[in-house]
Amino acid sequence: MIYHAGDTGYHSALFKDICKLYHPQIALLPIGGTFTMDIYGAALAVEDLGVSKVIPMHYNTFPLINADVEKFKELVKVEVVVMKVGEEWEV
């Protein structure tokens, strides 16, 4: 199961419920911070969701949503798949 968070902020109860109901293995999480969760909230979401892989999204496309993806990688204990625009990744 893949979970796509869209443009959302961190909400512990929501992510824990998604984990219990759907057991996702992969999450696409925003990390830009201004309009969505930041790297710290996303790291908590990874833990709450119980996923084994995370794809960060919605960051570094303009100054207001710059995020340090390398720092995010340090914060989580799962595989982080950083994709480039137009890149494909097979599940």
PDB file of N, CA and C in Angstrom:
ATOM      1  N   MET A   1       0.850  -1.177   0.000  1.00  0.00           N
ATOM      2  CA  MET A   1       0.000   0.000   0.000  1.00  0.00           C
ATOM      3  C   MET A   1       0.890   1.232   0.000  1.00  0.00           C
ATOM      4  N   ILE A   2       0.501   2.213  -0.788  1.00  0.00           N
ATOM      5  CA  ILE A   2       1.205   3.497  -0.868  1.00  0.00           C
ATOM      6  C   ILE A   2       0.291   4.590  -0.331  1.00  0.00           C
ATOM      7  N   TYR A   3       0.830   5.444   0.525  1.00  0.00           N
ATOM      8  CA  TYR A   3       0.081   6.571   1.062  1.00  0.00           C
ATOM      9  C   TYR A   3       0.663   7.863   0.510  1.00  0.00           C
ATOM     10  N   HIS A   4      -0.164   8.675  -0.132  1.00  0.00           N
ATOM     11  CA  HIS A   4       0.219   9.989  -0.664  1.00  0.00           C
ATOM     12  C   HIS A   4      -0.442  11.048   0.213  1.00  0.00           C
ATOM     13  N   ALA A   5       0.381  11.808   0.948  1.00  0.00           N
ATOM     14  CA  ALA A   5      -0.155  12.762   1.918  1.00  0.00           C
ATOM     15  C   ALA A   5      -0.684  14.046   1.289  1.00  0.00           C
ATOM     16  N   GLY A   6      -0.329  14.331   0.048  1.00  0.00           N
ATOM     17  CA  GLY A   6      -0.779  15.576  -0.562  1.00  0.00           C
ATOM     18  C   GLY A   6      -0.181  16.767   0.161  1.00  0.00           C
ATOM     19  N   ASP A   7      -0.930  17.857   0.244  1.00  0.00           N
ATOM     20  CA  ASP A   7      -0.497  19.070   0.963  1.00  0.00           C
ATOM     21  C   ASP A   7      -1.084  19.022   2.364  1.00  0.00           C
ATOM     22  N   THR A   8      -0.388  18.408   3.275  1.00  0.00           N
ATOM     23  CA  THR A   8      -0.928  18.278   4.619  1.00  0.00           C
ATOM     24  C   THR A   8       0.116  18.643   5.666  1.00  0.00           C
ATOM     25  N   GLY A   9      -0.374  18.943   6.836  1.00  0.00           N
ATOM     26  CA  GLY A   9       0.491  19.178   7.980  1.00  0.00           C
ATOM     27  C   GLY A   9       0.577  17.915   8.805  1.00  0.00           C
ATOM     28  N   TYR A  10       1.421  17.947   9.817  1.00  0.00           N
ATOM     29  CA  TYR A  10       1.572  16.777  10.681  1.00  0.00           C
ATOM     30  C   TYR A  10       0.383  16.666  11.626  1.00  0.00           C
ATOM     31  N   HIS A  11      -0.176  15.478  11.706  1.00  0.00           N
ATOM     32  CA  HIS A  11      -1.283  15.196  12.621  1.00  0.00           C
ATOM     33  C   HIS A  11      -1.142  13.754  13.096  1.00  0.00           C
ATOM     34  N   SER A  12      -0.604  13.592  14.282  1.00  0.00           N
ATOM     35  CA  SER A  12      -0.261  12.271  14.815  1.00  0.00           C
ATOM     36  C   SER A  12      -1.414  11.281  14.758  1.00  0.00           C
ATOM     37  N   ALA A  13      -2.575  11.660  15.245  1.00  0.00           N
ATOM     38  CA  ALA A  13      -3.708  10.724  15.300  1.00  0.00           C
ATOM     39  C   ALA A  13      -4.101  10.259  13.898  1.00  0.00           C
ATOM     40  N   LEU A  14      -4.085  11.164  12.934  1.00  0.00           N
ATOM     41  CA  LEU A  14      -4.430  10.810  11.557  1.00  0.00           C
ATOM     42  C   LEU A  14      -3.474   9.747  11.028  1.00  0.00           C
ATOM     43  N   PHE A  15      -2.169   9.989  11.180  1.00  0.00           N
ATOM     44  CA  PHE A  15      -1.186   9.063  10.631  1.00  0.00           C
ATOM     45  C   PHE A  15      -1.210   7.718  11.357  1.00  0.00           C
ATOM     46  N   LYS A  16      -1.435   7.733  12.649  1.00  0.00           N
ATOM     47  CA  LYS A  16      -1.538   6.472  13.393  1.00  0.00           C
ATOM     48  C   LYS A  16      -2.775   5.685  12.956  1.00  0.00           C
ATOM     49  N   ASP A  17      -3.876   6.382  12.686  1.00  0.00           N
ATOM     50  CA  ASP A  17      -5.086   5.709  12.198  1.00  0.00           C
ATOM     51  C   ASP A  17      -4.856   5.129  10.808  1.00  0.00           C
ATOM     52  N   ILE A  18      -4.182   5.862   9.948  1.00  0.00           N
ATOM     53  CA  ILE A  18      -3.871   5.358   8.600  1.00  0.00           C
ATOM     54  C   ILE A  18      -3.022   4.100   8.711  1.00  0.00           C
ATOM     55  N   CYS A  19      -2.060   4.099   9.631  1.00  0.00           N
ATOM     56  CA  CYS A  19      -1.220   2.921   9.865  1.00  0.00           C
ATOM     57  C   CYS A  19      -2.068   1.727  10.276  1.00  0.00           C
ATOM     58  N   LYS A  20      -2.952   1.921  11.247  1.00  0.00           N
ATOM     59  CA  LYS A  20      -3.780   0.828  11.758  1.00  0.00           C
ATOM     60  C   LYS A  20      -4.753   0.291  10.704  1.00  0.00           C
ATOM     61  N   LEU A  21      -5.341   1.197   9.929  1.00  0.00           N
ATOM     62  CA  LEU A  21      -6.366   0.794   8.964  1.00  0.00           C
ATOM     63  C   LEU A  21      -5.796   0.214   7.670  1.00  0.00           C
ATOM     64  N   TYR A  22      -4.698   0.805   7.166  1.00  0.00           N
ATOM     65  CA  TYR A  22      -4.234   0.470   5.816  1.00  0.00           C
ATOM     66  C   TYR A  22      -2.835  -0.142   5.749  1.00  0.00           C
ATOM     67  N   HIS A  23      -2.042  -0.018   6.789  1.00  0.00           N
ATOM     68  CA  HIS A  23      -0.688  -0.594   6.832  1.00  0.00           C
ATOM     69  C   HIS A  23       0.152  -0.230   5.600  1.00  0.00           C
ATOM     70  N   PRO A  24       0.312   1.052   5.307  1.00  0.00           N
ATOM     71  CA  PRO A  24       1.103   1.409   4.119  1.00  0.00           C
ATOM     72  C   PRO A  24       2.570   1.011   4.285  1.00  0.00           C
ATOM     73  N   GLN A  25       3.218   0.691   3.175  1.00  0.00           N
ATOM     74  CA  GLN A  25       4.644   0.385   3.195  1.00  0.00           C
ATOM     75  C   GLN A  25       5.473   1.561   2.698  1.00  0.00           C
ATOM     76  N   ILE A  26       4.862   2.397   1.855  1.00  0.00           N
ATOM     77  CA  ILE A  26       5.550   3.533   1.245  1.00  0.00           C
ATOM     78  C   ILE A  26       4.702   4.780   1.465  1.00  0.00           C
ATOM     79  N   ALA A  27       5.350   5.901   1.804  1.00  0.00           N
ATOM     80  CA  ALA A  27       4.632   7.166   1.969  1.00  0.00           C
ATOM     81  C   ALA A  27       5.291   8.250   1.131  1.00  0.00           C
ATOM     82  N   LEU A  28       4.489   9.052   0.470  1.00  0.00           N
ATOM     83  CA  LEU A  28       4.937  10.273  -0.187  1.00  0.00           C
ATOM     84  C   LEU A  28       4.530  11.407   0.738  1.00  0.00           C
ATOM     85  N   LEU A  29       5.523  12.091   1.301  1.00  0.00           N
ATOM     86  CA  LEU A  29       5.254  13.118   2.303  1.00  0.00           C
ATOM     87  C   LEU A  29       5.862  14.457   1.924  1.00  0.00           C
ATOM     88  N   PRO A  30       5.096  15.546   2.088  1.00  0.00           N
ATOM     89  CA  PRO A  30       5.666  16.878   1.847  1.00  0.00           C
ATOM     90  C   PRO A  30       6.632  17.237   2.974  1.00  0.00           C
ATOM     91  N   ILE A  31       7.689  17.967   2.622  1.00  0.00           N
ATOM     92  CA  ILE A  31       8.664  18.377   3.651  1.00  0.00           C
ATOM     93  C   ILE A  31       8.988  19.862   3.572  1.00  0.00           C
ATOM     94  N   GLY A  32       8.282  20.612   2.735  1.00  0.00           N
ATOM     95  CA  GLY A  32       8.611  22.015   2.495  1.00  0.00           C
ATOM     96  C   GLY A  32       8.395  22.970   3.650  1.00  0.00           C
ATOM     97  N   GLY A  33       7.474  22.641   4.548  1.00  0.00           N
ATOM     98  CA  GLY A  33       7.335  23.397   5.778  1.00  0.00           C
ATOM     99  C   GLY A  33       6.434  24.608   5.779  1.00  0.00           C
ATOM    100  N   THR A  34       6.392  25.392   4.752  1.00  0.00           N
ATOM    101  CA  THR A  34       5.597  26.618   4.805  1.00  0.00           C
ATOM    102  C   THR A  34       4.111  26.347   4.648  1.00  0.00           C
ATOM    103  N   PHE A  35       3.741  25.541   3.689  1.00  0.00           N
ATOM    104  CA  PHE A  35       2.335  25.244   3.446  1.00  0.00           C
ATOM    105  C   PHE A  35       1.984  23.810   3.847  1.00  0.00           C
ATOM    106  N   THR A  36       2.983  23.063   4.264  1.00  0.00           N
ATOM    107  CA  THR A  36       2.834  21.651   4.610  1.00  0.00           C
ATOM    108  C   THR A  36       3.710  21.358   5.833  1.00  0.00           C
ATOM    109  N   MET A  37       3.805  20.090   6.204  1.00  0.00           N
ATOM    110  CA  MET A  37       4.709  19.744   7.298  1.00  0.00           C
ATOM    111  C   MET A  37       6.161  19.974   6.869  1.00  0.00           C
ATOM    112  N   ASP A  38       7.008  20.186   7.845  1.00  0.00           N
ATOM    113  CA  ASP A  38       8.436  20.361   7.561  1.00  0.00           C
ATOM    114  C   ASP A  38       9.150  19.019   7.748  1.00  0.00           C
ATOM    115  N   ILE A  39      10.475  19.020   7.676  1.00  0.00           N
ATOM    116  CA  ILE A  39      11.208  17.761   7.779  1.00  0.00           C
ATOM    117  C   ILE A  39      10.999  17.085   9.133  1.00  0.00           C
ATOM    118  N   TYR A  40      10.802  17.868  10.176  1.00  0.00           N
ATOM    119  CA  TYR A  40      10.623  17.296  11.514  1.00  0.00           C
ATOM    120  C   TYR A  40       9.236  16.659  11.660  1.00  0.00           C
ATOM    121  N   GLY A  41       8.219  17.339  11.165  1.00  0.00           N
ATOM    122  CA  GLY A  41       6.877  16.760  11.171  1.00  0.00           C
ATOM    123  C   GLY A  41       6.802  15.536  10.279  1.00  0.00           C
ATOM    124  N   ALA A  42       7.457  15.602   9.129  1.00  0.00           N
ATOM    125  CA  ALA A  42       7.460  14.459   8.213  1.00  0.00           C
ATOM    126  C   ALA A  42       8.182  13.267   8.836  1.00  0.00           C
ATOM    127  N   ALA A  43       9.251  13.523   9.588  1.00  0.00           N
ATOM    128  CA  ALA A  43       9.957  12.432  10.265  1.00  0.00           C
ATOM    129  C   ALA A  43       9.038  11.762  11.296  1.00  0.00           C
ATOM    130  N   LEU A  44       8.253  12.560  12.012  1.00  0.00           N
ATOM    131  CA  LEU A  44       7.282  11.994  12.948  1.00  0.00           C
ATOM    132  C   LEU A  44       6.202  11.205  12.203  1.00  0.00           C
ATOM    133  N   ALA A  45       5.781  11.722  11.055  1.00  0.00           N
ATOM    134  CA  ALA A  45       4.767  11.034  10.256  1.00  0.00           C
ATOM    135  C   ALA A  45       5.279   9.675   9.785  1.00  0.00           C
ATOM    136  N   VAL A  46       6.539   9.612   9.385  1.00  0.00           N
ATOM    137  CA  VAL A  46       7.138   8.339   8.970  1.00  0.00           C
ATOM    138  C   VAL A  46       7.012   7.328  10.099  1.00  0.00           C
ATOM    139  N   GLU A  47       7.339   7.759  11.301  1.00  0.00           N
ATOM    140  CA  GLU A  47       7.257   6.873  12.470  1.00  0.00           C
ATOM    141  C   GLU A  47       5.811   6.455  12.743  1.00  0.00           C
ATOM    142  N   ASP A  48       4.892   7.412  12.710  1.00  0.00           N
ATOM    143  CA  ASP A  48       3.479   7.116  12.987  1.00  0.00           C
ATOM    144  C   ASP A  48       2.869   6.190  11.936  1.00  0.00           C
ATOM    145  N   LEU A  49       3.269   6.380  10.683  1.00  0.00           N
ATOM    146  CA  LEU A  49       2.721   5.574   9.591  1.00  0.00           C
ATOM    147  C   LEU A  49       3.302   4.160   9.566  1.00  0.00           C
ATOM    148  N   GLY A  50       4.493   3.988  10.123  1.00  0.00           N
ATOM    149  CA  GLY A  50       5.114   2.669  10.143  1.00  0.00           C
ATOM    150  C   GLY A  50       5.594   2.180   8.790  1.00  0.00           C
ATOM    151  N   VAL A  51       5.901   3.110   7.895  1.00  0.00           N
ATOM    152  CA  VAL A  51       6.334   2.728   6.547  1.00  0.00           C
ATOM    153  C   VAL A  51       7.804   2.326   6.526  1.00  0.00           C
ATOM    154  N   SER A  52       8.200   1.606   5.482  1.00  0.00           N
ATOM    155  CA  SER A  52       9.599   1.211   5.333  1.00  0.00           C
ATOM    156  C   SER A  52      10.345   2.072   4.321  1.00  0.00           C
ATOM    157  N   LYS A  53       9.583   2.841   3.525  1.00  0.00           N
ATOM    158  CA  LYS A  53      10.187   3.747   2.541  1.00  0.00           C
ATOM    159  C   LYS A  53       9.391   5.043   2.525  1.00  0.00           C
ATOM    160  N   VAL A  54      10.095   6.150   2.268  1.00  0.00           N
ATOM    161  CA  VAL A  54       9.433   7.443   2.160  1.00  0.00           C
ATOM    162  C   VAL A  54      10.008   8.203   0.972  1.00  0.00           C
ATOM    163  N   ILE A  55       9.124   8.868   0.249  1.00  0.00           N
ATOM    164  CA  ILE A  55       9.517   9.728  -0.863  1.00  0.00           C
ATOM    165  C   ILE A  55       9.145  11.157  -0.475  1.00  0.00           C
ATOM    166  N   PRO A  56      10.138  12.009  -0.210  1.00  0.00           N
ATOM    167  CA  PRO A  56       9.827  13.398   0.128  1.00  0.00           C
ATOM    168  C   PRO A  56       9.339  14.148  -1.105  1.00  0.00           C
ATOM    169  N   MET A  57       8.424  15.092  -0.902  1.00  0.00           N
ATOM    170  CA  MET A  57       7.864  15.863  -2.024  1.00  0.00           C
ATOM    171  C   MET A  57       7.516  17.266  -1.552  1.00  0.00           C
ATOM    172  N   HIS A  58       7.145  18.117  -2.500  1.00  0.00           N
ATOM    173  CA  HIS A  58       6.705  19.484  -2.240  1.00  0.00           C
ATOM    174  C   HIS A  58       7.756  20.295  -1.475  1.00  0.00           C
ATOM    175  N   TYR A  59       8.970  20.331  -2.037  1.00  0.00           N
ATOM    176  CA  TYR A  59      10.052  21.106  -1.431  1.00  0.00           C
ATOM    177  C   TYR A  59      11.029  21.558  -2.513  1.00  0.00           C
ATOM    178  N   ASN A  60      11.748  22.643  -2.209  1.00  0.00           N
ATOM    179  CA  ASN A  60      12.834  23.187  -3.045  1.00  0.00           C
ATOM    180  C   ASN A  60      12.434  23.588  -4.461  1.00  0.00           C
ATOM    181  N   THR A  61      11.168  23.932  -4.671  1.00  0.00           N
ATOM    182  CA  THR A  61      10.781  24.445  -5.981  1.00  0.00           C
ATOM    183  C   THR A  61      10.709  25.972  -5.999  1.00  0.00           C
ATOM    184  N   PHE A  62      10.639  26.590  -4.823  1.00  0.00           N
ATOM    185  CA  PHE A  62      10.768  28.042  -4.675  1.00  0.00           C
ATOM    186  C   PHE A  62      11.177  28.321  -3.229  1.00  0.00           C
ATOM    187  N   PRO A  63      11.744  29.497  -2.969  1.00  0.00           N
ATOM    188  CA  PRO A  63      12.379  29.775  -1.670  1.00  0.00           C
ATOM    189  C   PRO A  63      11.528  29.500  -0.430  1.00  0.00           C
ATOM    190  N   LEU A  64      10.233  29.751  -0.468  1.00  0.00           N
ATOM    191  CA  LEU A  64       9.403  29.549   0.725  1.00  0.00           C
ATOM    192  C   LEU A  64       9.312  28.097   1.187  1.00  0.00           C
ATOM    193  N   ILE A  65       9.615  27.169   0.293  1.00  0.00           N
ATOM    194  CA  ILE A  65       9.502  25.759   0.676  1.00  0.00           C
ATOM    195  C   ILE A  65      10.837  25.020   0.548  1.00  0.00           C
ATOM    196  N   ASN A  66      11.922  25.742   0.744  1.00  0.00           N
ATOM    197  CA  ASN A  66      13.232  25.080   0.756  1.00  0.00           C
ATOM    198  C   ASN A  66      13.334  24.170   1.974  1.00  0.00           C
ATOM    199  N   ALA A  67      13.892  22.997   1.763  1.00  0.00           N
ATOM    200  CA  ALA A  67      14.065  22.025   2.847  1.00  0.00           C
ATOM    201  C   ALA A  67      15.368  21.270   2.634  1.00  0.00           C
ATOM    202  N   ASP A  68      15.956  20.839   3.711  1.00  0.00           N
ATOM    203  CA  ASP A  68      17.212  20.098   3.680  1.00  0.00           C
ATOM    204  C   ASP A  68      16.902  18.602   3.649  1.00  0.00           C
ATOM    205  N   VAL A  69      16.881  18.035   2.448  1.00  0.00           N
ATOM    206  CA  VAL A  69      16.528  16.620   2.302  1.00  0.00           C
ATOM    207  C   VAL A  69      17.581  15.722   2.947  1.00  0.00           C
ATOM    208  N   GLU A  70      18.823  16.164   2.996  1.00  0.00           N
ATOM    209  CA  GLU A  70      19.870  15.363   3.649  1.00  0.00           C
ATOM    210  C   GLU A  70      19.620  15.291   5.165  1.00  0.00           C
ATOM    211  N   LYS A  71      19.196  16.380   5.750  1.00  0.00           N
ATOM    212  CA  LYS A  71      18.844  16.386   7.176  1.00  0.00           C
ATOM    213  C   LYS A  71      17.642  15.481   7.426  1.00  0.00           C
ATOM    214  N   PHE A  72      16.660  15.525   6.510  1.00  0.00           N
ATOM    215  CA  PHE A  72      15.491  14.647   6.614  1.00  0.00           C
ATOM    216  C   PHE A  72      15.931  13.185   6.616  1.00  0.00           C
ATOM    217  N   LYS A  73      16.866  12.836   5.739  1.00  0.00           N
ATOM    218  CA  LYS A  73      17.382  11.460   5.687  1.00  0.00           C
ATOM    219  C   LYS A  73      17.984  11.050   7.031  1.00  0.00           C
ATOM    220  N   GLU A  74      18.656  11.985   7.694  1.00  0.00           N
ATOM    221  CA  GLU A  74      19.255  11.694   8.997  1.00  0.00           C
ATOM    222  C   GLU A  74      18.204  11.483  10.077  1.00  0.00           C
ATOM    223  N   LEU A  75      17.058  12.129   9.936  1.00  0.00           N
ATOM    224  CA  LEU A  75      16.014  12.078  10.957  1.00  0.00           C
ATOM    225  C   LEU A  75      15.197  10.790  10.939  1.00  0.00           C
ATOM    226  N   VAL A  76      15.125  10.137   9.785  1.00  0.00           N
ATOM    227  CA  VAL A  76      14.284   8.942   9.670  1.00  0.00           C
ATOM    228  C   VAL A  76      15.127   7.679   9.672  1.00  0.00           C
ATOM    229  N   LYS A  77      14.514   6.591  10.068  1.00  0.00           N
ATOM    230  CA  LYS A  77      15.213   5.309  10.147  1.00  0.00           C
ATOM    231  C   LYS A  77      14.772   4.356   9.045  1.00  0.00           C
ATOM    232  N   VAL A  78      14.251   4.915   7.959  1.00  0.00           N
ATOM    233  CA  VAL A  78      13.788   4.108   6.833  1.00  0.00           C
ATOM    234  C   VAL A  78      14.472   4.586   5.560  1.00  0.00           C
ATOM    235  N   GLU A  79      14.276   3.833   4.490  1.00  0.00           N
ATOM    236  CA  GLU A  79      14.845   4.219   3.200  1.00  0.00           C
ATOM    237  C   GLU A  79      14.145   5.477   2.680  1.00  0.00           C
ATOM    238  N   VAL A  80      14.944   6.463   2.266  1.00  0.00           N
ATOM    239  CA  VAL A  80      14.416   7.697   1.682  1.00  0.00           C
ATOM    240  C   VAL A  80      14.748   7.680   0.191  1.00  0.00           C
ATOM    241  N   VAL A  81      13.717   7.752  -0.632  1.00  0.00           N
ATOM    242  CA  VAL A  81      13.890   7.747  -2.084  1.00  0.00           C
ATOM    243  C   VAL A  81      13.713   9.181  -2.564  1.00  0.00           C
ATOM    244  N   VAL A  82      14.816   9.820  -2.966  1.00  0.00           N
ATOM    245  CA  VAL A  82      14.764  11.189  -3.457  1.00  0.00           C
ATOM    246  C   VAL A  82      14.694  11.126  -4.977  1.00  0.00           C
ATOM    247  N   MET A  83      13.606  11.653  -5.518  1.00  0.00           N
ATOM    248  CA  MET A  83      13.396  11.589  -6.961  1.00  0.00           C
ATOM    249  C   MET A  83      13.635  12.941  -7.613  1.00  0.00           C
ATOM    250  N   LYS A  84      14.073  12.906  -8.849  1.00  0.00           N
ATOM    251  CA  LYS A  84      14.234  14.115  -9.661  1.00  0.00           C
ATOM    252  C   LYS A  84      13.005  14.290 -10.522  1.00  0.00           C
ATOM    253  N   VAL A  85      12.749  15.508 -10.969  1.00  0.00           N
ATOM    254  CA  VAL A  85      11.606  15.792 -11.832  1.00  0.00           C
ATOM    255  C   VAL A  85      11.675  14.887 -13.061  1.00  0.00           C
ATOM    256  N   GLY A  86      10.579  14.209 -13.345  1.00  0.00           N
ATOM    257  CA  GLY A  86      10.492  13.333 -14.507  1.00  0.00           C
ATOM    258  C   GLY A  86      11.035  11.927 -14.295  1.00  0.00           C
ATOM    259  N   GLU A  87      11.649  11.691 -13.144  1.00  0.00           N
ATOM    260  CA  GLU A  87      12.218  10.379 -12.862  1.00  0.00           C
ATOM    261  C   GLU A  87      11.116   9.382 -12.502  1.00  0.00           C
ATOM    262  N   GLU A  88      11.311   8.145 -12.913  1.00  0.00           N
ATOM    263  CA  GLU A  88      10.382   7.074 -12.555  1.00  0.00           C
ATOM    264  C   GLU A  88      11.035   6.155 -11.544  1.00  0.00           C
ATOM    265  N   TRP A  89      10.227   5.579 -10.695  1.00  0.00           N
ATOM    266  CA  TRP A  89      10.704   4.651  -9.680  1.00  0.00           C
ATOM    267  C   TRP A  89       9.736   3.498  -9.616  1.00  0.00           C
ATOM    268  N   GLU A  90      10.235   2.291  -9.724  1.00  0.00           N
ATOM    269  CA  GLU A  90       9.371   1.112  -9.738  1.00  0.00           C
ATOM    270  C   GLU A  90       9.251   0.538  -8.334  1.00  0.00           C
ATOM    271  N   VAL A  91       8.034   0.254  -7.958  1.00  0.00           N
ATOM    272  CA  VAL A  91       7.745  -0.317  -6.647  1.00  0.00           C
ATOM    273  C   VAL A  91       8.022  -1.800  -6.676  1.00  0.00           C
TER     274      VAL A  91
END
